[in-house]
Amino acid sequence: MPLSLSSAVLVAVIFSLFRQDPVVQKTGDTKEVVAYASVREKLTKETQVPLHLPTFIPFSGDSRNPVFAILDLTDSRSYEIQLAWSGDCTGGNWCHLGSIQGSTNPISAEGRRIPVSLRGGVRGYFVRSRCYAFCTEAMILWSQDGAHYAVGIKAGDEKILLKMANSAIR
């Protein structure tokens, strides 16, 4: 039986509150993310975009609920890494957690861009998540070293994304 719109909104709100509770929320560094080191190694060989990969990944999982880094796209001008709850996730709502992107072209994001200050005086933009029957990624976008970057977490909040983006800035 499909959820009504009000039920879907209620589920999204409860999910959002649960994910932002600092007692429940799991956070950690990238050594807890399955395949992150091998993705980094592959990117150094396959792209000319200067790498700005976060050292902080929110909700980075544990041995029972790991987070996986999946290299969705790489070429000389861009890369996209998916963060997922399953090693074979293809972007589906049930398994997708977030993303990390780098490109020589500007990165698009739907929604109003709210200016934010990042480490080292870098100017960035926060784009809020939207929740319908599922939640989109909230994102932080910035430009550095002649390239464009973004980090996103599904239903993420600004504080967590700022920490994630700042960990990617040298």
N, C-alpha and C. Protein backbone atom coordinates (compact mmCIF):
# COMPACT_ATOMS: atom_id res chain seq x y z
N MET A 1 0.84 -1.17 0.00
CA MET A 1 0.00 0.00 0.00
C MET A 1 0.89 1.24 0.00
N PRO A 2 0.76 2.14 -0.95
CA PRO A 2 1.62 3.32 -1.01
C PRO A 2 1.32 4.29 0.14
N LEU A 3 2.37 5.00 0.55
CA LEU A 3 2.23 6.00 1.60
C LEU A 3 1.52 7.23 1.07
N SER A 4 0.69 7.84 1.92
CA SER A 4 0.10 9.12 1.54
C SER A 4 1.19 10.18 1.63
N LEU A 5 0.95 11.34 1.05
CA LEU A 5 1.93 12.41 1.08
C LEU A 5 2.25 12.81 2.51
N SER A 6 1.24 12.91 3.38
CA SER A 6 1.50 13.30 4.77
C SER A 6 2.29 12.23 5.50
N SER A 7 2.05 10.96 5.21
CA SER A 7 2.82 9.87 5.83
C SER A 7 4.26 9.91 5.36
N ALA A 8 4.47 10.16 4.08
CA ALA A 8 5.83 10.23 3.53
C ALA A 8 6.60 11.39 4.15
N VAL A 9 5.94 12.53 4.34
CA VAL A 9 6.60 13.67 4.97
C VAL A 9 6.95 13.35 6.41
N LEU A 10 6.05 12.71 7.14
CA LEU A 10 6.31 12.33 8.52
C LEU A 10 7.50 11.39 8.61
N VAL A 11 7.56 10.40 7.72
CA VAL A 11 8.70 9.48 7.70
C VAL A 11 10.00 10.24 7.43
N ALA A 12 9.98 11.17 6.49
CA ALA A 12 11.17 11.96 6.17
C ALA A 12 11.61 12.80 7.36
N VAL A 13 10.66 13.41 8.07
CA VAL A 13 11.00 14.23 9.24
C VAL A 13 11.60 13.37 10.34
N ILE A 14 10.99 12.23 10.62
CA ILE A 14 11.53 11.33 11.65
C ILE A 14 12.91 10.85 11.26
N PHE A 15 13.09 10.49 10.00
CA PHE A 15 14.40 10.05 9.51
C PHE A 15 15.44 11.16 9.70
N SER A 16 15.07 12.38 9.36
CA SER A 16 15.98 13.52 9.49
C SER A 16 16.36 13.76 10.94
N LEU A 17 15.40 13.69 11.85
CA LEU A 17 15.69 13.90 13.27
C LEU A 17 16.61 12.81 13.81
N PHE A 18 16.35 11.58 13.41
CA PHE A 18 17.18 10.46 13.85
C PHE A 18 18.62 10.63 13.38
N ARG A 19 18.80 11.02 12.13
CA ARG A 19 20.14 11.13 11.57
C ARG A 19 20.93 12.27 12.17
N GLN A 20 20.27 13.28 12.74
CA GLN A 20 21.00 14.42 13.27
C GLN A 20 21.20 14.33 14.78
N ASP A 21 20.71 13.29 15.41
CA ASP A 21 20.91 13.10 16.84
C ASP A 21 22.38 12.71 17.06
N PRO A 22 23.18 13.54 17.76
CA PRO A 22 24.59 13.25 17.90
C PRO A 22 24.88 11.97 18.66
N VAL A 23 23.94 11.48 19.45
CA VAL A 23 24.16 10.23 20.16
C VAL A 23 24.03 9.05 19.20
N VAL A 24 23.09 9.14 18.26
CA VAL A 24 22.84 8.05 17.32
C VAL A 24 23.77 8.13 16.12
N GLN A 25 24.09 9.33 15.70
CA GLN A 25 24.86 9.55 14.49
C GLN A 25 26.27 8.97 14.60
N LYS A 26 26.66 8.21 13.60
CA LYS A 26 28.00 7.66 13.55
C LYS A 26 28.84 8.56 12.66
N THR A 27 29.99 8.95 13.12
CA THR A 27 30.88 9.74 12.30
C THR A 27 32.28 9.20 12.44
N GLY A 28 33.09 9.40 11.43
CA GLY A 28 34.44 8.91 11.51
C GLY A 28 35.25 9.32 10.31
N ASP A 29 36.47 8.82 10.29
CA ASP A 29 37.33 9.17 9.17
C ASP A 29 37.21 8.13 8.07
N THR A 30 37.95 8.34 7.01
CA THR A 30 37.77 7.53 5.81
C THR A 30 38.30 6.10 5.96
N LYS A 31 39.10 5.81 6.97
CA LYS A 31 39.57 4.43 7.11
C LYS A 31 38.41 3.48 7.40
N GLU A 32 37.27 4.03 7.81
CA GLU A 32 36.09 3.21 8.07
C GLU A 32 35.23 3.01 6.83
N VAL A 33 35.58 3.64 5.71
CA VAL A 33 34.79 3.53 4.48
C VAL A 33 35.43 2.48 3.58
N VAL A 34 34.67 1.44 3.26
CA VAL A 34 35.17 0.33 2.45
C VAL A 34 35.54 0.83 1.06
N ALA A 35 36.76 0.52 0.60
CA ALA A 35 37.28 0.80 -0.74
C ALA A 35 37.67 2.26 -0.97
N TYR A 36 37.63 3.11 0.06
CA TYR A 36 37.97 4.52 -0.14
C TYR A 36 39.43 4.69 -0.58
N ALA A 37 40.33 3.97 0.03
CA ALA A 37 41.76 4.08 -0.32
C ALA A 37 42.01 3.63 -1.76
N SER A 38 41.35 2.56 -2.19
CA SER A 38 41.57 2.09 -3.57
C SER A 38 40.95 3.06 -4.59
N VAL A 39 39.84 3.70 -4.24
CA VAL A 39 39.25 4.71 -5.12
C VAL A 39 40.20 5.88 -5.26
N ARG A 40 40.78 6.34 -4.15
CA ARG A 40 41.75 7.44 -4.18
C ARG A 40 42.94 7.08 -5.08
N GLU A 41 43.45 5.87 -4.92
CA GLU A 41 44.59 5.42 -5.72
C GLU A 41 44.26 5.40 -7.21
N LYS A 42 43.08 4.90 -7.55
CA LYS A 42 42.67 4.85 -8.95
C LYS A 42 42.52 6.26 -9.52
N LEU A 43 41.95 7.18 -8.74
CA LEU A 43 41.77 8.55 -9.22
C LEU A 43 43.10 9.24 -9.51
N THR A 44 44.12 8.99 -8.71
CA THR A 44 45.41 9.62 -8.95
C THR A 44 45.99 9.21 -10.30
N LYS A 45 45.58 8.07 -10.80
CA LYS A 45 46.06 7.58 -12.09
C LYS A 45 45.17 7.98 -13.27
N GLU A 46 43.87 8.26 -13.01
CA GLU A 46 42.93 8.40 -14.11
C GLU A 46 42.36 9.80 -14.33
N THR A 47 42.62 10.74 -13.43
CA THR A 47 42.05 12.08 -13.64
C THR A 47 43.13 13.14 -13.47
N GLN A 48 42.94 14.25 -14.16
CA GLN A 48 43.85 15.38 -14.01
C GLN A 48 43.27 16.44 -13.07
N VAL A 49 42.07 16.20 -12.57
CA VAL A 49 41.45 17.13 -11.61
C VAL A 49 42.20 16.98 -10.28
N PRO A 50 42.71 18.10 -9.73
CA PRO A 50 43.38 17.99 -8.42
C PRO A 50 42.41 17.37 -7.40
N LEU A 51 42.88 16.36 -6.68
CA LEU A 51 42.00 15.66 -5.74
C LEU A 51 41.80 16.47 -4.47
N HIS A 52 40.55 16.63 -4.09
CA HIS A 52 40.16 17.20 -2.81
C HIS A 52 39.13 16.26 -2.22
N LEU A 53 39.62 15.15 -1.65
CA LEU A 53 38.74 14.13 -1.09
C LEU A 53 38.65 14.33 0.42
N PRO A 54 37.45 14.28 0.96
CA PRO A 54 37.29 14.51 2.40
C PRO A 54 37.96 13.41 3.23
N THR A 55 38.50 13.81 4.35
CA THR A 55 39.03 12.85 5.32
C THR A 55 37.99 12.54 6.39
N PHE A 56 36.88 13.27 6.37
CA PHE A 56 35.76 13.02 7.28
C PHE A 56 34.54 12.63 6.45
N ILE A 57 34.00 11.46 6.72
CA ILE A 57 32.78 10.98 6.07
C ILE A 57 31.75 10.74 7.17
N PRO A 58 30.64 11.48 7.18
CA PRO A 58 29.63 11.25 8.21
C PRO A 58 28.96 9.89 8.04
N PHE A 59 28.47 9.35 9.13
CA PHE A 59 27.76 8.07 9.12
C PHE A 59 28.63 6.99 8.49
N SER A 60 29.92 6.96 8.86
CA SER A 60 30.85 6.10 8.13
C SER A 60 30.73 4.62 8.43
N GLY A 61 29.74 4.24 9.18
CA GLY A 61 29.45 2.82 9.32
C GLY A 61 30.32 2.10 10.32
N ASP A 62 30.12 0.82 10.38
CA ASP A 62 30.89 -0.07 11.23
C ASP A 62 30.90 -1.43 10.56
N SER A 63 31.43 -2.45 11.23
CA SER A 63 31.56 -3.76 10.58
C SER A 63 30.21 -4.38 10.22
N ARG A 64 29.15 -4.06 10.97
CA ARG A 64 27.83 -4.60 10.65
C ARG A 64 27.09 -3.77 9.61
N ASN A 65 27.38 -2.46 9.54
CA ASN A 65 26.71 -1.54 8.61
C ASN A 65 27.75 -0.67 7.91
N PRO A 66 28.56 -1.27 7.05
CA PRO A 66 29.63 -0.49 6.42
C PRO A 66 29.12 0.51 5.38
N VAL A 67 29.92 1.54 5.16
CA VAL A 67 29.71 2.48 4.06
C VAL A 67 30.75 2.15 3.00
N PHE A 68 30.34 2.15 1.75
CA PHE A 68 31.21 1.81 0.64
C PHE A 68 31.47 3.04 -0.23
N ALA A 69 32.68 3.17 -0.73
CA ALA A 69 33.01 4.18 -1.73
C ALA A 69 32.99 3.48 -3.09
N ILE A 70 32.18 4.01 -4.00
CA ILE A 70 32.03 3.42 -5.33
C ILE A 70 32.39 4.48 -6.36
N LEU A 71 33.37 4.20 -7.18
CA LEU A 71 33.77 5.14 -8.22
C LEU A 71 32.79 5.02 -9.38
N ASP A 72 31.87 5.99 -9.48
CA ASP A 72 30.84 5.96 -10.52
C ASP A 72 31.33 6.51 -11.84
N LEU A 73 32.26 7.48 -11.80
CA LEU A 73 32.73 8.12 -13.03
C LEU A 73 34.13 8.65 -12.80
N THR A 74 34.99 8.43 -13.77
CA THR A 74 36.30 9.06 -13.76
C THR A 74 36.78 9.21 -15.20
N ASP A 75 37.31 10.39 -15.48
CA ASP A 75 38.00 10.65 -16.73
C ASP A 75 38.99 11.76 -16.45
N SER A 76 39.64 12.25 -17.45
CA SER A 76 40.68 13.25 -17.22
C SER A 76 40.12 14.56 -16.67
N ARG A 77 38.82 14.83 -16.87
CA ARG A 77 38.23 16.12 -16.48
C ARG A 77 37.26 16.06 -15.30
N SER A 78 36.97 14.86 -14.76
CA SER A 78 36.02 14.79 -13.66
C SER A 78 36.07 13.44 -12.95
N TYR A 79 35.48 13.42 -11.76
CA TYR A 79 35.27 12.17 -11.04
C TYR A 79 34.03 12.30 -10.17
N GLU A 80 33.38 11.17 -9.94
CA GLU A 80 32.24 11.09 -9.05
C GLU A 80 32.35 9.82 -8.23
N ILE A 81 32.30 9.99 -6.93
CA ILE A 81 32.34 8.87 -5.99
C ILE A 81 30.99 8.82 -5.29
N GLN A 82 30.39 7.65 -5.28
CA GLN A 82 29.16 7.46 -4.53
C GLN A 82 29.50 6.85 -3.18
N LEU A 83 28.87 7.35 -2.13
CA LEU A 83 28.95 6.75 -0.81
C LEU A 83 27.65 5.98 -0.62
N ALA A 84 27.76 4.71 -0.26
CA ALA A 84 26.57 3.86 -0.25
C ALA A 84 26.61 2.86 0.90
N TRP A 85 25.43 2.36 1.23
CA TRP A 85 25.29 1.34 2.27
C TRP A 85 25.48 -0.06 1.72
N SER A 86 25.70 -0.19 0.41
CA SER A 86 25.89 -1.48 -0.24
C SER A 86 26.98 -1.33 -1.30
N GLY A 87 27.82 -2.33 -1.43
CA GLY A 87 28.91 -2.28 -2.40
C GLY A 87 28.46 -2.35 -3.84
N ASP A 88 27.22 -2.78 -4.07
CA ASP A 88 26.72 -2.85 -5.44
C ASP A 88 25.60 -1.84 -5.71
N CYS A 89 25.57 -0.76 -4.95
CA CYS A 89 24.55 0.27 -5.12
C CYS A 89 24.74 0.99 -6.45
N THR A 90 23.66 1.18 -7.15
CA THR A 90 23.70 1.91 -8.42
C THR A 90 22.95 3.24 -8.29
N GLY A 91 22.93 3.79 -7.09
CA GLY A 91 22.29 5.08 -6.87
C GLY A 91 20.87 4.99 -6.35
N GLY A 92 20.39 3.79 -6.07
CA GLY A 92 19.03 3.62 -5.58
C GLY A 92 18.80 4.28 -4.23
N ASN A 93 17.60 4.71 -3.99
CA ASN A 93 17.28 5.42 -2.75
C ASN A 93 17.60 4.60 -1.51
N TRP A 94 17.39 3.31 -1.53
CA TRP A 94 17.59 2.47 -0.35
C TRP A 94 19.05 2.35 0.06
N CYS A 95 19.99 2.52 -0.87
CA CYS A 95 21.39 2.27 -0.55
C CYS A 95 22.28 3.50 -0.68
N HIS A 96 21.80 4.58 -1.27
CA HIS A 96 22.62 5.76 -1.53
C HIS A 96 22.72 6.64 -0.27
N LEU A 97 23.95 6.99 0.12
CA LEU A 97 24.18 7.88 1.26
C LEU A 97 24.60 9.27 0.81
N GLY A 98 25.51 9.36 -0.15
CA GLY A 98 25.99 10.67 -0.58
C GLY A 98 26.95 10.57 -1.74
N SER A 99 27.69 11.70 -1.97
CA SER A 99 28.60 11.73 -3.11
C SER A 99 29.74 12.70 -2.87
N ILE A 100 30.79 12.49 -3.65
CA ILE A 100 31.97 13.36 -3.67
C ILE A 100 32.27 13.58 -5.15
N GLN A 101 32.41 14.84 -5.56
CA GLN A 101 32.63 15.13 -6.97
C GLN A 101 33.76 16.14 -7.16
N GLY A 102 34.44 16.01 -8.27
CA GLY A 102 35.43 16.99 -8.71
C GLY A 102 35.35 17.11 -10.21
N SER A 103 35.49 18.33 -10.75
CA SER A 103 35.34 18.52 -12.20
C SER A 103 36.02 19.81 -12.63
N THR A 104 36.45 19.84 -13.87
CA THR A 104 36.95 21.09 -14.44
C THR A 104 35.79 21.98 -14.87
N ASN A 105 34.58 21.43 -14.95
CA ASN A 105 33.37 22.19 -15.27
C ASN A 105 32.56 22.42 -14.00
N PRO A 106 31.79 23.51 -13.93
CA PRO A 106 30.96 23.75 -12.75
C PRO A 106 30.01 22.56 -12.49
N ILE A 107 29.76 22.30 -11.22
CA ILE A 107 28.89 21.20 -10.80
C ILE A 107 27.51 21.77 -10.51
N SER A 108 26.49 21.14 -11.06
CA SER A 108 25.13 21.65 -10.86
C SER A 108 24.50 21.05 -9.61
N ALA A 109 23.59 21.81 -9.03
CA ALA A 109 22.81 21.36 -7.87
C ALA A 109 21.50 22.11 -7.89
N GLU A 110 20.41 21.39 -7.69
CA GLU A 110 19.09 22.02 -7.69
C GLU A 110 18.82 22.65 -6.34
N GLY A 111 18.33 23.88 -6.36
CA GLY A 111 17.98 24.57 -5.13
C GLY A 111 18.76 25.87 -4.98
N ARG A 112 18.35 26.64 -4.00
CA ARG A 112 19.00 27.92 -3.74
C ARG A 112 20.37 27.70 -3.12
N ARG A 113 21.36 28.41 -3.64
CA ARG A 113 22.73 28.33 -3.13
C ARG A 113 22.92 29.37 -2.03
N ILE A 114 23.23 28.89 -0.84
CA ILE A 114 23.42 29.76 0.32
C ILE A 114 24.93 29.89 0.55
N PRO A 115 25.50 31.10 0.49
CA PRO A 115 26.94 31.26 0.67
C PRO A 115 27.40 30.77 2.05
N VAL A 116 28.55 30.08 2.07
CA VAL A 116 29.18 29.63 3.31
C VAL A 116 30.68 29.88 3.22
N SER A 117 31.31 30.04 4.36
CA SER A 117 32.77 30.21 4.43
C SER A 117 33.40 28.87 4.79
N LEU A 118 34.38 28.48 4.00
CA LEU A 118 35.09 27.23 4.23
C LEU A 118 36.52 27.52 4.69
N ARG A 119 37.21 26.50 5.08
CA ARG A 119 38.59 26.59 5.55
C ARG A 119 39.46 27.36 4.56
N GLY A 120 40.39 28.13 5.09
CA GLY A 120 41.35 28.84 4.26
C GLY A 120 40.76 29.98 3.46
N GLY A 121 39.60 30.49 3.86
CA GLY A 121 38.98 31.60 3.14
C GLY A 121 38.30 31.21 1.85
N VAL A 122 38.14 29.91 1.63
CA VAL A 122 37.46 29.44 0.42
C VAL A 122 35.96 29.72 0.57
N ARG A 123 35.36 30.25 -0.49
CA ARG A 123 33.92 30.51 -0.48
C ARG A 123 33.20 29.33 -1.11
N GLY A 124 32.15 28.90 -0.45
CA GLY A 124 31.37 27.78 -0.96
C GLY A 124 29.89 28.10 -0.90
N TYR A 125 29.10 27.12 -1.28
CA TYR A 125 27.64 27.28 -1.28
C TYR A 125 27.00 26.02 -0.72
N PHE A 126 26.04 26.21 0.15
CA PHE A 126 25.26 25.12 0.70
C PHE A 126 23.92 25.07 -0.04
N VAL A 127 23.52 23.86 -0.43
CA VAL A 127 22.22 23.64 -1.06
C VAL A 127 21.47 22.63 -0.20
N ARG A 128 20.31 23.03 0.30
CA ARG A 128 19.52 22.17 1.18
C ARG A 128 18.98 20.94 0.47
N SER A 129 18.77 19.91 1.26
CA SER A 129 18.09 18.70 0.81
C SER A 129 16.60 18.98 0.68
N ARG A 130 15.96 18.26 -0.20
CA ARG A 130 14.49 18.31 -0.31
C ARG A 130 13.96 16.91 -0.06
N CYS A 131 12.94 16.84 0.76
CA CYS A 131 12.35 15.53 1.07
C CYS A 131 10.94 15.44 0.52
N TYR A 132 10.72 14.40 -0.22
CA TYR A 132 9.41 14.06 -0.78
C TYR A 132 9.12 12.66 -0.27
N ALA A 133 8.92 11.70 -1.15
CA ALA A 133 8.81 10.31 -0.74
C ALA A 133 10.19 9.79 -0.33
N PHE A 134 11.23 10.47 -0.77
CA PHE A 134 12.61 10.21 -0.38
C PHE A 134 13.31 11.56 -0.30
N CYS A 135 14.48 11.59 0.28
CA CYS A 135 15.22 12.85 0.42
C CYS A 135 16.36 12.92 -0.59
N THR A 136 16.58 14.11 -1.13
CA THR A 136 17.71 14.34 -2.02
C THR A 136 18.95 14.63 -1.17
N GLU A 137 20.07 14.81 -1.83
CA GLU A 137 21.31 15.18 -1.13
C GLU A 137 21.32 16.67 -0.83
N ALA A 138 21.72 17.03 0.38
CA ALA A 138 22.15 18.39 0.65
C ALA A 138 23.61 18.43 0.20
N MET A 139 24.06 19.58 -0.29
CA MET A 139 25.42 19.65 -0.84
C MET A 139 26.14 20.92 -0.42
N ILE A 140 27.47 20.82 -0.43
CA ILE A 140 28.33 22.00 -0.36
C ILE A 140 29.17 21.96 -1.62
N LEU A 141 29.18 23.10 -2.34
CA LEU A 141 29.95 23.22 -3.57
C LEU A 141 30.98 24.32 -3.39
N TRP A 142 32.15 24.17 -4.00
CA TRP A 142 33.18 25.20 -3.97
C TRP A 142 34.12 25.02 -5.15
N SER A 143 34.93 26.07 -5.41
CA SER A 143 35.96 26.03 -6.45
C SER A 143 37.31 26.23 -5.80
N GLN A 144 38.29 25.50 -6.30
CA GLN A 144 39.64 25.56 -5.74
C GLN A 144 40.61 24.94 -6.74
N ASP A 145 41.81 25.47 -6.81
CA ASP A 145 42.85 24.92 -7.69
C ASP A 145 42.39 24.81 -9.15
N GLY A 146 41.54 25.74 -9.60
CA GLY A 146 41.09 25.74 -10.98
C GLY A 146 40.05 24.68 -11.30
N ALA A 147 39.47 24.07 -10.27
CA ALA A 147 38.45 23.04 -10.50
C ALA A 147 37.27 23.29 -9.55
N HIS A 148 36.23 22.50 -9.74
CA HIS A 148 34.99 22.64 -8.97
C HIS A 148 34.75 21.35 -8.20
N TYR A 149 34.23 21.49 -6.97
CA TYR A 149 34.07 20.34 -6.08
C TYR A 149 32.71 20.38 -5.40
N ALA A 150 32.24 19.20 -4.99
CA ALA A 150 30.99 19.10 -4.24
C ALA A 150 31.04 17.86 -3.36
N VAL A 151 30.45 18.00 -2.19
CA VAL A 151 30.20 16.85 -1.32
C VAL A 151 28.72 16.89 -0.97
N GLY A 152 28.10 15.73 -0.89
CA GLY A 152 26.68 15.67 -0.59
C GLY A 152 26.34 14.49 0.30
N ILE A 153 25.33 14.69 1.13
CA ILE A 153 24.80 13.63 1.98
C ILE A 153 23.28 13.70 1.90
N LYS A 154 22.66 12.56 1.68
CA LYS A 154 21.21 12.51 1.59
C LYS A 154 20.61 12.97 2.93
N ALA A 155 19.72 13.97 2.86
CA ALA A 155 19.07 14.57 4.04
C ALA A 155 20.10 15.16 5.01
N GLY A 156 21.26 15.53 4.50
CA GLY A 156 22.33 16.06 5.35
C GLY A 156 22.05 17.46 5.85
N ASP A 157 22.69 17.81 6.95
CA ASP A 157 22.53 19.18 7.46
C ASP A 157 23.80 19.98 7.20
N GLU A 158 23.68 21.29 7.27
CA GLU A 158 24.78 22.19 6.92
C GLU A 158 26.01 21.96 7.78
N LYS A 159 25.84 21.77 9.07
CA LYS A 159 26.98 21.60 9.98
C LYS A 159 27.84 20.38 9.61
N ILE A 160 27.18 19.26 9.36
CA ILE A 160 27.91 18.04 8.99
C ILE A 160 28.60 18.21 7.63
N LEU A 161 27.90 18.82 6.67
CA LEU A 161 28.49 19.01 5.35
C LEU A 161 29.65 20.00 5.39
N LEU A 162 29.58 21.02 6.23
CA LEU A 162 30.71 21.94 6.39
C LEU A 162 31.93 21.19 6.89
N LYS A 163 31.73 20.32 7.86
CA LYS A 163 32.85 19.52 8.38
C LYS A 163 33.44 18.62 7.29
N MET A 164 32.56 18.03 6.51
CA MET A 164 33.02 17.14 5.42
C MET A 164 33.78 17.93 4.36
N ALA A 165 33.23 19.07 3.92
CA ALA A 165 33.89 19.90 2.90
C ALA A 165 35.21 20.43 3.41
N ASN A 166 35.22 20.95 4.64
CA ASN A 166 36.47 21.48 5.20
C ASN A 166 37.56 20.44 5.31
N SER A 167 37.17 19.17 5.51
CA SER A 167 38.19 18.12 5.59
C SER A 167 38.79 17.81 4.22
N ALA A 168 38.15 18.28 3.15
CA ALA A 168 38.67 18.05 1.79
C ALA A 168 39.56 19.21 1.32
N ILE A 169 39.50 20.33 2.03
CA ILE A 169 40.28 21.50 1.63
C ILE A 169 41.63 21.46 2.31
N ARG A 170 42.66 21.58 1.51
CA ARG A 170 44.03 21.55 2.07
C ARG A 170 44.32 22.80 2.86
